């Protein structure tokens, strides 16, 4: 069994999604199926087939979330220290091409959201940062070419959801 690293916030987000799917979405599908059955012949009942398809997608996602939560290895970011980049680190980088700084948190794949400045530890930038130290320079192959960053600061702080 492989563990799936994630932050406390990331695990809570998965648990919240699972709860919503089970309590809200699953119950809604039950009602939709009952209403579609009441319409009669199921062979040519578009509402019924649509509800069954949605039910399949919801049940698949429920199983996926249960699997991930059961194998979650929650990393307590606030217990970590040092200047080396590890999972959970908040890293301030200097973008050498744009000549400006940006801060990211290194998180699990399910938590990654570039709009929230959370990048996956196993993504292109995350992979290049893990194991590096403040002052190190990393290069990342991107569709636009090589990008170069200097690690300015490494912190271990908890981010909000």
N, C-alpha and C. Protein backbone atom coordinates (compact mmCIF):
# COMPACT_ATOMS: atom_id res chain seq x y z
N UNK A 1 0.83 -1.19 0.00
CA UNK A 1 0.00 0.00 0.00
C UNK A 1 0.87 1.25 0.00
N UNK A 2 0.74 2.04 -1.03
CA UNK A 2 1.47 3.30 -1.08
C UNK A 2 0.67 4.37 -0.37
N UNK A 3 1.39 5.17 0.42
CA UNK A 3 0.72 6.27 1.10
C UNK A 3 0.65 7.46 0.14
N UNK A 4 -0.31 8.33 0.40
CA UNK A 4 -0.51 9.52 -0.41
C UNK A 4 -0.27 10.73 0.49
N UNK A 5 0.84 11.44 0.28
CA UNK A 5 1.12 12.59 1.14
C UNK A 5 0.16 13.74 0.87
N UNK A 6 -0.28 14.36 1.96
CA UNK A 6 -1.13 15.54 1.85
C UNK A 6 -1.06 16.33 3.14
N UNK A 7 -1.43 17.58 3.04
CA UNK A 7 -1.47 18.42 4.23
C UNK A 7 -2.78 18.16 4.96
N UNK A 8 -2.87 18.66 6.17
CA UNK A 8 -4.11 18.53 6.96
C UNK A 8 -5.27 19.19 6.21
N UNK A 9 -5.03 20.36 5.64
CA UNK A 9 -6.05 21.09 4.89
C UNK A 9 -6.48 20.28 3.67
N UNK A 10 -5.54 19.67 2.99
CA UNK A 10 -5.86 18.87 1.81
C UNK A 10 -6.72 17.67 2.13
N UNK A 11 -6.41 17.00 3.24
CA UNK A 11 -7.21 15.84 3.64
C UNK A 11 -8.62 16.28 4.00
N UNK A 12 -8.73 17.40 4.70
CA UNK A 12 -10.06 17.91 5.08
C UNK A 12 -10.88 18.24 3.84
N UNK A 13 -10.25 18.81 2.82
CA UNK A 13 -10.97 19.11 1.58
C UNK A 13 -11.52 17.84 0.93
N UNK A 14 -10.73 16.78 0.91
CA UNK A 14 -11.19 15.51 0.35
C UNK A 14 -12.33 14.94 1.18
N UNK A 15 -12.20 15.01 2.50
CA UNK A 15 -13.25 14.50 3.39
C UNK A 15 -14.55 15.29 3.20
N UNK A 16 -14.44 16.60 3.05
CA UNK A 16 -15.62 17.44 2.84
C UNK A 16 -16.30 17.10 1.51
N UNK A 17 -15.50 16.89 0.48
CA UNK A 17 -16.07 16.51 -0.82
C UNK A 17 -16.77 15.16 -0.73
N UNK A 18 -16.14 14.21 -0.04
CA UNK A 18 -16.74 12.88 0.13
C UNK A 18 -18.07 12.98 0.87
N UNK A 19 -18.11 13.74 1.94
CA UNK A 19 -19.34 13.92 2.71
C UNK A 19 -20.44 14.52 1.83
N UNK A 20 -20.08 15.53 1.04
CA UNK A 20 -21.06 16.16 0.15
C UNK A 20 -21.59 15.16 -0.88
N UNK A 21 -20.70 14.39 -1.47
CA UNK A 21 -21.14 13.41 -2.47
C UNK A 21 -22.09 12.38 -1.87
N UNK A 22 -21.78 11.91 -0.67
CA UNK A 22 -22.60 10.88 -0.04
C UNK A 22 -23.93 11.46 0.45
N UNK A 23 -23.89 12.58 1.13
CA UNK A 23 -25.11 13.12 1.76
C UNK A 23 -26.00 13.92 0.81
N UNK A 24 -25.41 14.59 -0.16
CA UNK A 24 -26.20 15.46 -1.03
C UNK A 24 -26.38 14.85 -2.42
N UNK A 25 -25.26 14.62 -3.11
CA UNK A 25 -25.33 14.14 -4.49
C UNK A 25 -25.95 12.76 -4.61
N UNK A 26 -25.53 11.84 -3.76
CA UNK A 26 -26.06 10.47 -3.83
C UNK A 26 -27.57 10.48 -3.56
N UNK A 27 -27.99 11.25 -2.58
CA UNK A 27 -29.42 11.33 -2.25
C UNK A 27 -30.21 11.98 -3.38
N UNK A 28 -29.63 12.97 -4.02
CA UNK A 28 -30.29 13.62 -5.16
C UNK A 28 -30.48 12.67 -6.32
N UNK A 29 -29.49 11.82 -6.55
CA UNK A 29 -29.57 10.84 -7.64
C UNK A 29 -30.66 9.81 -7.33
N UNK A 30 -30.77 9.40 -6.08
CA UNK A 30 -31.83 8.44 -5.71
C UNK A 30 -33.20 9.01 -6.08
N UNK A 31 -33.42 10.29 -5.76
CA UNK A 31 -34.70 10.94 -6.08
C UNK A 31 -34.90 11.04 -7.59
N UNK A 32 -33.84 11.42 -8.31
CA UNK A 32 -33.94 11.56 -9.76
C UNK A 32 -34.26 10.22 -10.42
N UNK A 33 -33.66 9.14 -9.92
CA UNK A 33 -33.94 7.81 -10.47
C UNK A 33 -35.38 7.40 -10.18
N UNK A 34 -35.86 7.68 -9.00
CA UNK A 34 -37.25 7.34 -8.65
C UNK A 34 -38.23 8.10 -9.54
N UNK A 35 -37.96 9.38 -9.77
CA UNK A 35 -38.83 10.19 -10.63
C UNK A 35 -38.79 9.68 -12.07
N UNK A 36 -37.60 9.31 -12.55
CA UNK A 36 -37.47 8.81 -13.91
C UNK A 36 -38.18 7.46 -14.08
N UNK A 37 -38.10 6.61 -13.06
CA UNK A 37 -38.79 5.31 -13.12
C UNK A 37 -40.31 5.51 -13.20
N UNK A 38 -40.78 6.54 -12.53
CA UNK A 38 -42.22 6.81 -12.52
C UNK A 38 -42.74 7.22 -13.90
N UNK A 39 -41.84 7.63 -14.78
CA UNK A 39 -42.25 8.04 -16.13
C UNK A 39 -42.57 6.86 -17.03
N UNK A 40 -42.22 5.65 -16.60
CA UNK A 40 -42.58 4.47 -17.39
C UNK A 40 -41.39 3.77 -18.01
N UNK A 41 -41.56 3.34 -19.27
CA UNK A 41 -40.59 2.52 -20.01
C UNK A 41 -39.17 3.05 -19.86
N UNK A 42 -38.29 2.25 -19.25
CA UNK A 42 -36.91 2.69 -18.96
C UNK A 42 -35.99 2.60 -20.18
N UNK A 43 -36.38 1.81 -21.18
CA UNK A 43 -35.50 1.63 -22.34
C UNK A 43 -35.31 2.92 -23.13
N UNK A 44 -36.33 3.75 -23.20
CA UNK A 44 -36.25 4.99 -23.97
C UNK A 44 -36.47 6.21 -23.07
N UNK A 45 -36.05 6.08 -21.84
CA UNK A 45 -36.25 7.14 -20.85
C UNK A 45 -34.94 7.90 -20.67
N UNK A 46 -34.82 9.05 -21.31
CA UNK A 46 -33.57 9.83 -21.28
C UNK A 46 -33.23 10.29 -19.87
N UNK A 47 -34.23 10.65 -19.09
CA UNK A 47 -33.98 11.11 -17.72
C UNK A 47 -33.37 9.99 -16.88
N UNK A 48 -33.88 8.80 -17.07
CA UNK A 48 -33.38 7.65 -16.32
C UNK A 48 -31.92 7.35 -16.70
N UNK A 49 -31.65 7.33 -18.00
CA UNK A 49 -30.28 7.03 -18.45
C UNK A 49 -29.29 8.12 -18.02
N UNK A 50 -29.74 9.36 -18.05
CA UNK A 50 -28.89 10.47 -17.60
C UNK A 50 -28.59 10.34 -16.11
N UNK A 51 -29.62 10.01 -15.32
CA UNK A 51 -29.43 9.86 -13.87
C UNK A 51 -28.52 8.68 -13.56
N UNK A 52 -28.65 7.58 -14.32
CA UNK A 52 -27.79 6.41 -14.10
C UNK A 52 -26.33 6.75 -14.43
N UNK A 53 -26.12 7.52 -15.47
CA UNK A 53 -24.76 7.93 -15.84
C UNK A 53 -24.16 8.82 -14.75
N UNK A 54 -24.95 9.76 -14.26
CA UNK A 54 -24.47 10.65 -13.20
C UNK A 54 -24.19 9.83 -11.93
N UNK A 55 -25.04 8.85 -11.64
CA UNK A 55 -24.85 7.99 -10.48
C UNK A 55 -23.52 7.25 -10.59
N UNK A 56 -23.21 6.76 -11.77
CA UNK A 56 -21.96 6.04 -11.99
C UNK A 56 -20.75 6.95 -11.74
N UNK A 57 -20.82 8.18 -12.22
CA UNK A 57 -19.72 9.12 -12.01
C UNK A 57 -19.55 9.45 -10.53
N UNK A 58 -20.66 9.66 -9.83
CA UNK A 58 -20.60 9.99 -8.40
C UNK A 58 -20.03 8.82 -7.61
N UNK A 59 -20.51 7.61 -7.90
CA UNK A 59 -20.02 6.43 -7.18
C UNK A 59 -18.53 6.20 -7.44
N UNK A 60 -18.09 6.46 -8.67
CA UNK A 60 -16.67 6.34 -8.99
C UNK A 60 -15.82 7.33 -8.21
N UNK A 61 -16.31 8.56 -8.12
CA UNK A 61 -15.57 9.59 -7.37
C UNK A 61 -15.57 9.27 -5.88
N UNK A 62 -16.67 8.74 -5.35
CA UNK A 62 -16.73 8.33 -3.94
C UNK A 62 -15.67 7.27 -3.67
N UNK A 63 -15.57 6.28 -4.53
CA UNK A 63 -14.57 5.23 -4.35
C UNK A 63 -13.15 5.79 -4.41
N UNK A 64 -12.92 6.70 -5.35
CA UNK A 64 -11.59 7.32 -5.48
C UNK A 64 -11.22 8.09 -4.22
N UNK A 65 -12.17 8.87 -3.70
CA UNK A 65 -11.91 9.65 -2.49
C UNK A 65 -11.68 8.75 -1.28
N UNK A 66 -12.47 7.70 -1.15
CA UNK A 66 -12.30 6.77 -0.03
C UNK A 66 -10.92 6.13 -0.09
N UNK A 67 -10.47 5.76 -1.28
CA UNK A 67 -9.14 5.17 -1.46
C UNK A 67 -8.06 6.16 -1.02
N UNK A 68 -8.15 7.39 -1.51
CA UNK A 68 -7.13 8.39 -1.19
C UNK A 68 -7.10 8.73 0.30
N UNK A 69 -8.26 8.88 0.90
CA UNK A 69 -8.34 9.20 2.33
C UNK A 69 -7.79 8.05 3.16
N UNK A 70 -8.08 6.83 2.75
CA UNK A 70 -7.59 5.67 3.52
C UNK A 70 -6.08 5.52 3.45
N UNK A 71 -5.47 6.07 2.43
CA UNK A 71 -4.02 5.97 2.27
C UNK A 71 -3.30 7.29 2.53
N UNK A 72 -4.04 8.25 3.06
CA UNK A 72 -3.47 9.57 3.31
C UNK A 72 -2.38 9.52 4.38
N UNK A 73 -1.28 10.15 4.07
CA UNK A 73 -0.22 10.37 5.05
C UNK A 73 -0.18 11.87 5.28
N UNK A 74 -0.80 12.30 6.37
CA UNK A 74 -0.89 13.74 6.65
C UNK A 74 0.44 14.24 7.20
N UNK A 75 0.97 15.24 6.55
CA UNK A 75 2.23 15.85 6.95
C UNK A 75 1.91 17.10 7.77
N UNK A 76 2.37 17.11 9.02
CA UNK A 76 2.18 18.28 9.88
C UNK A 76 3.26 19.30 9.53
N UNK A 77 2.88 20.24 8.70
CA UNK A 77 3.81 21.23 8.17
C UNK A 77 4.44 22.05 9.29
N UNK A 78 3.67 22.35 10.32
CA UNK A 78 4.18 23.21 11.39
C UNK A 78 5.23 22.52 12.25
N UNK A 79 5.35 21.20 12.14
CA UNK A 79 6.35 20.46 12.91
C UNK A 79 7.69 20.40 12.18
N UNK A 80 7.71 20.84 10.94
CA UNK A 80 8.95 20.79 10.14
C UNK A 80 9.74 22.08 10.32
N UNK A 81 11.05 21.96 10.18
CA UNK A 81 11.92 23.13 10.31
C UNK A 81 13.06 22.99 9.29
N UNK A 82 13.78 24.07 9.12
CA UNK A 82 14.96 24.04 8.26
C UNK A 82 14.80 24.90 7.02
N UNK A 83 15.86 24.90 6.22
CA UNK A 83 15.87 25.71 5.00
C UNK A 83 15.88 24.84 3.75
N UNK A 84 15.75 23.54 3.92
CA UNK A 84 15.68 22.64 2.77
C UNK A 84 14.21 22.45 2.38
N UNK A 85 13.94 22.44 1.08
CA UNK A 85 12.58 22.30 0.59
C UNK A 85 12.14 20.84 0.71
N UNK A 86 11.02 20.66 1.44
CA UNK A 86 10.38 19.34 1.57
C UNK A 86 8.89 19.53 1.35
N UNK A 87 8.18 18.41 1.32
CA UNK A 87 6.74 18.46 1.18
C UNK A 87 6.16 19.38 2.25
N UNK A 88 5.25 20.26 1.86
CA UNK A 88 4.61 21.17 2.80
C UNK A 88 5.29 22.52 2.92
N UNK A 89 6.49 22.65 2.40
CA UNK A 89 7.23 23.91 2.53
C UNK A 89 6.54 25.04 1.78
N UNK A 90 6.66 26.22 2.34
CA UNK A 90 6.26 27.44 1.65
C UNK A 90 7.56 28.04 1.13
N UNK A 91 7.64 28.18 -0.18
CA UNK A 91 8.89 28.58 -0.82
C UNK A 91 8.69 29.89 -1.58
N UNK A 92 9.55 30.86 -1.27
CA UNK A 92 9.54 32.11 -2.01
C UNK A 92 10.65 32.01 -3.05
N UNK A 93 10.25 32.17 -4.30
CA UNK A 93 11.17 32.04 -5.42
C UNK A 93 11.33 33.37 -6.14
N UNK A 94 12.52 33.58 -6.66
CA UNK A 94 12.76 34.74 -7.51
C UNK A 94 12.76 34.23 -8.95
N UNK A 95 11.80 34.71 -9.74
CA UNK A 95 11.69 34.32 -11.14
C UNK A 95 12.71 35.16 -11.92
N UNK A 96 13.76 34.52 -12.40
CA UNK A 96 14.86 35.24 -13.05
C UNK A 96 14.44 35.90 -14.37
N UNK A 97 13.46 35.31 -15.09
CA UNK A 97 13.01 35.90 -16.35
C UNK A 97 12.10 37.11 -16.10
N UNK A 98 11.17 36.99 -15.17
CA UNK A 98 10.21 38.07 -14.90
C UNK A 98 10.75 39.08 -13.89
N UNK A 99 11.86 38.74 -13.26
CA UNK A 99 12.50 39.59 -12.26
C UNK A 99 11.54 39.99 -11.15
N UNK A 100 10.84 38.99 -10.61
CA UNK A 100 9.96 39.24 -9.47
C UNK A 100 9.86 37.97 -8.63
N UNK A 101 9.42 38.15 -7.39
CA UNK A 101 9.30 37.02 -6.46
C UNK A 101 7.88 36.49 -6.44
N UNK A 102 7.76 35.19 -6.16
CA UNK A 102 6.46 34.54 -6.02
C UNK A 102 6.59 33.47 -4.95
N UNK A 103 5.52 33.25 -4.21
CA UNK A 103 5.54 32.28 -3.12
C UNK A 103 4.56 31.14 -3.41
N UNK A 104 5.03 29.91 -3.23
CA UNK A 104 4.22 28.71 -3.43
C UNK A 104 4.32 27.82 -2.20
N UNK A 105 3.28 27.01 -1.99
CA UNK A 105 3.37 25.94 -1.01
C UNK A 105 3.44 24.63 -1.80
N UNK A 106 4.31 23.73 -1.37
CA UNK A 106 4.46 22.42 -1.99
C UNK A 106 3.46 21.48 -1.32
N UNK A 107 2.49 20.97 -2.09
CA UNK A 107 1.41 20.16 -1.53
C UNK A 107 1.21 18.89 -2.35
N UNK A 108 0.22 18.08 -1.93
CA UNK A 108 -0.13 16.87 -2.65
C UNK A 108 -0.83 17.18 -3.96
N UNK A 109 -0.86 16.21 -4.85
CA UNK A 109 -1.43 16.42 -6.18
C UNK A 109 -2.89 16.84 -6.13
N UNK A 110 -3.67 16.31 -5.20
CA UNK A 110 -5.09 16.66 -5.10
C UNK A 110 -5.31 18.06 -4.54
N UNK A 111 -4.32 18.61 -3.89
CA UNK A 111 -4.45 19.94 -3.28
C UNK A 111 -3.95 21.05 -4.20
N UNK A 112 -3.16 20.69 -5.19
CA UNK A 112 -2.52 21.68 -6.04
C UNK A 112 -3.56 22.58 -6.71
N UNK A 113 -3.31 23.88 -6.67
CA UNK A 113 -4.17 24.87 -7.30
C UNK A 113 -3.32 26.11 -7.53
N UNK A 114 -2.93 26.31 -8.76
CA UNK A 114 -2.03 27.41 -9.09
C UNK A 114 -2.64 28.76 -8.73
N UNK A 115 -3.98 28.87 -8.77
CA UNK A 115 -4.64 30.13 -8.40
C UNK A 115 -4.43 30.45 -6.92
N UNK A 116 -4.23 29.41 -6.11
CA UNK A 116 -3.98 29.61 -4.68
C UNK A 116 -2.48 29.50 -4.35
N UNK A 117 -1.64 29.44 -5.38
CA UNK A 117 -0.19 29.32 -5.24
C UNK A 117 0.21 28.03 -4.51
N UNK A 118 -0.53 26.96 -4.78
CA UNK A 118 -0.20 25.64 -4.23
C UNK A 118 0.18 24.75 -5.40
N UNK A 119 1.42 24.25 -5.37
CA UNK A 119 1.90 23.40 -6.46
C UNK A 119 2.18 21.99 -5.96
N UNK A 120 2.00 21.03 -6.83
CA UNK A 120 2.17 19.62 -6.48
C UNK A 120 3.65 19.28 -6.31
N UNK A 121 3.93 18.48 -5.29
CA UNK A 121 5.30 18.04 -5.04
C UNK A 121 5.83 17.21 -6.19
N UNK A 122 4.93 16.57 -6.95
CA UNK A 122 5.37 15.71 -8.05
C UNK A 122 5.17 16.36 -9.41
N UNK A 123 4.86 17.66 -9.43
CA UNK A 123 4.77 18.41 -10.67
C UNK A 123 6.15 18.89 -11.10
N UNK A 124 6.28 19.47 -12.28
CA UNK A 124 7.59 19.89 -12.79
C UNK A 124 8.38 20.80 -11.84
N UNK A 125 7.75 21.85 -11.34
CA UNK A 125 8.46 22.76 -10.44
C UNK A 125 8.68 22.11 -9.08
N UNK A 126 7.65 21.47 -8.55
CA UNK A 126 7.76 20.81 -7.24
C UNK A 126 8.89 19.80 -7.21
N UNK A 127 8.99 18.96 -8.23
CA UNK A 127 10.06 17.95 -8.30
C UNK A 127 11.43 18.59 -8.27
N UNK A 128 11.57 19.71 -8.97
CA UNK A 128 12.87 20.39 -9.03
C UNK A 128 13.23 21.10 -7.73
N UNK A 129 12.21 21.47 -6.94
CA UNK A 129 12.47 22.19 -5.70
C UNK A 129 12.80 21.25 -4.53
N UNK A 130 12.16 20.07 -4.49
CA UNK A 130 12.35 19.15 -3.37
C UNK A 130 13.85 18.82 -3.20
N UNK A 131 14.33 18.99 -1.97
CA UNK A 131 15.72 18.68 -1.66
C UNK A 131 16.68 19.85 -1.82
N UNK A 132 16.20 20.92 -2.45
CA UNK A 132 17.06 22.09 -2.63
C UNK A 132 17.01 22.96 -1.38
N UNK A 133 17.91 23.93 -1.31
CA UNK A 133 18.06 24.77 -0.13
C UNK A 133 17.94 26.24 -0.52
N UNK A 134 17.73 27.09 0.48
CA UNK A 134 17.72 28.53 0.23
C UNK A 134 19.00 28.93 -0.48
N UNK A 135 18.87 29.78 -1.48
CA UNK A 135 20.04 30.23 -2.25
C UNK A 135 20.29 29.40 -3.49
N UNK A 136 19.74 28.18 -3.56
CA UNK A 136 19.93 27.34 -4.74
C UNK A 136 19.10 27.89 -5.91
N UNK A 137 19.56 27.55 -7.11
CA UNK A 137 18.85 27.91 -8.33
C UNK A 137 18.33 26.63 -8.97
N UNK A 138 17.10 26.68 -9.47
CA UNK A 138 16.52 25.52 -10.16
C UNK A 138 16.05 25.94 -11.53
N UNK A 139 16.13 24.99 -12.47
CA UNK A 139 15.63 25.22 -13.82
C UNK A 139 14.51 24.22 -14.08
N UNK A 140 13.48 24.71 -14.76
CA UNK A 140 12.32 23.89 -15.07
C UNK A 140 12.07 23.98 -16.56
N UNK A 141 11.90 22.81 -17.19
CA UNK A 141 11.54 22.79 -18.60
C UNK A 141 10.05 23.07 -18.72
N UNK A 142 9.72 24.12 -19.45
CA UNK A 142 8.32 24.51 -19.66
C UNK A 142 8.08 24.60 -21.16
N UNK A 143 6.82 24.63 -21.58
CA UNK A 143 6.54 24.76 -23.02
C UNK A 143 7.20 25.98 -23.66
N UNK A 144 7.38 27.06 -22.86
CA UNK A 144 8.02 28.28 -23.38
C UNK A 144 9.54 28.19 -23.38
N UNK A 145 10.08 27.13 -22.84
CA UNK A 145 11.53 26.99 -22.71
C UNK A 145 11.92 26.79 -21.26
N UNK A 146 13.19 26.95 -20.97
CA UNK A 146 13.66 26.78 -19.58
C UNK A 146 13.32 27.99 -18.74
N UNK A 147 12.78 27.71 -17.56
CA UNK A 147 12.51 28.76 -16.59
C UNK A 147 13.51 28.60 -15.45
N UNK A 148 13.98 29.70 -14.93
CA UNK A 148 14.97 29.65 -13.86
C UNK A 148 14.48 30.42 -12.64
N UNK A 149 14.62 29.76 -11.49
CA UNK A 149 14.19 30.35 -10.22
C UNK A 149 15.31 30.24 -9.20
N UNK A 150 15.40 31.25 -8.34
CA UNK A 150 16.31 31.19 -7.20
C UNK A 150 15.45 31.06 -5.95
N UNK A 151 15.82 30.13 -5.08
CA UNK A 151 15.07 29.93 -3.84
C UNK A 151 15.51 31.00 -2.85
N UNK A 152 14.60 31.91 -2.52
CA UNK A 152 14.92 33.00 -1.61
C UNK A 152 14.64 32.63 -0.16
N UNK A 153 13.54 31.92 0.08
CA UNK A 153 13.14 31.65 1.46
C UNK A 153 12.34 30.35 1.52
N UNK A 154 12.59 29.57 2.57
CA UNK A 154 11.85 28.33 2.82
C UNK A 154 11.27 28.42 4.23
N UNK A 155 9.96 28.24 4.33
CA UNK A 155 9.28 28.29 5.62
C UNK A 155 8.35 27.09 5.75
N UNK A 156 8.03 26.75 6.96
CA UNK A 156 7.07 25.68 7.21
C UNK A 156 5.94 26.26 8.06
N UNK A 157 4.93 26.77 7.36
CA UNK A 157 3.77 27.40 7.98
C UNK A 157 2.50 26.77 7.41
N UNK A 158 1.44 26.83 8.17
CA UNK A 158 0.17 26.28 7.71
C UNK A 158 -0.57 27.31 6.88
N UNK A 159 -1.08 26.89 5.72
CA UNK A 159 -1.86 27.76 4.85
C UNK A 159 -3.33 27.50 5.08
N UNK A 160 -4.15 28.51 4.87
CA UNK A 160 -5.60 28.28 4.95
C UNK A 160 -6.08 27.49 3.74
N UNK A 161 -7.28 27.00 3.82
CA UNK A 161 -7.86 26.21 2.72
C UNK A 161 -8.01 27.05 1.47
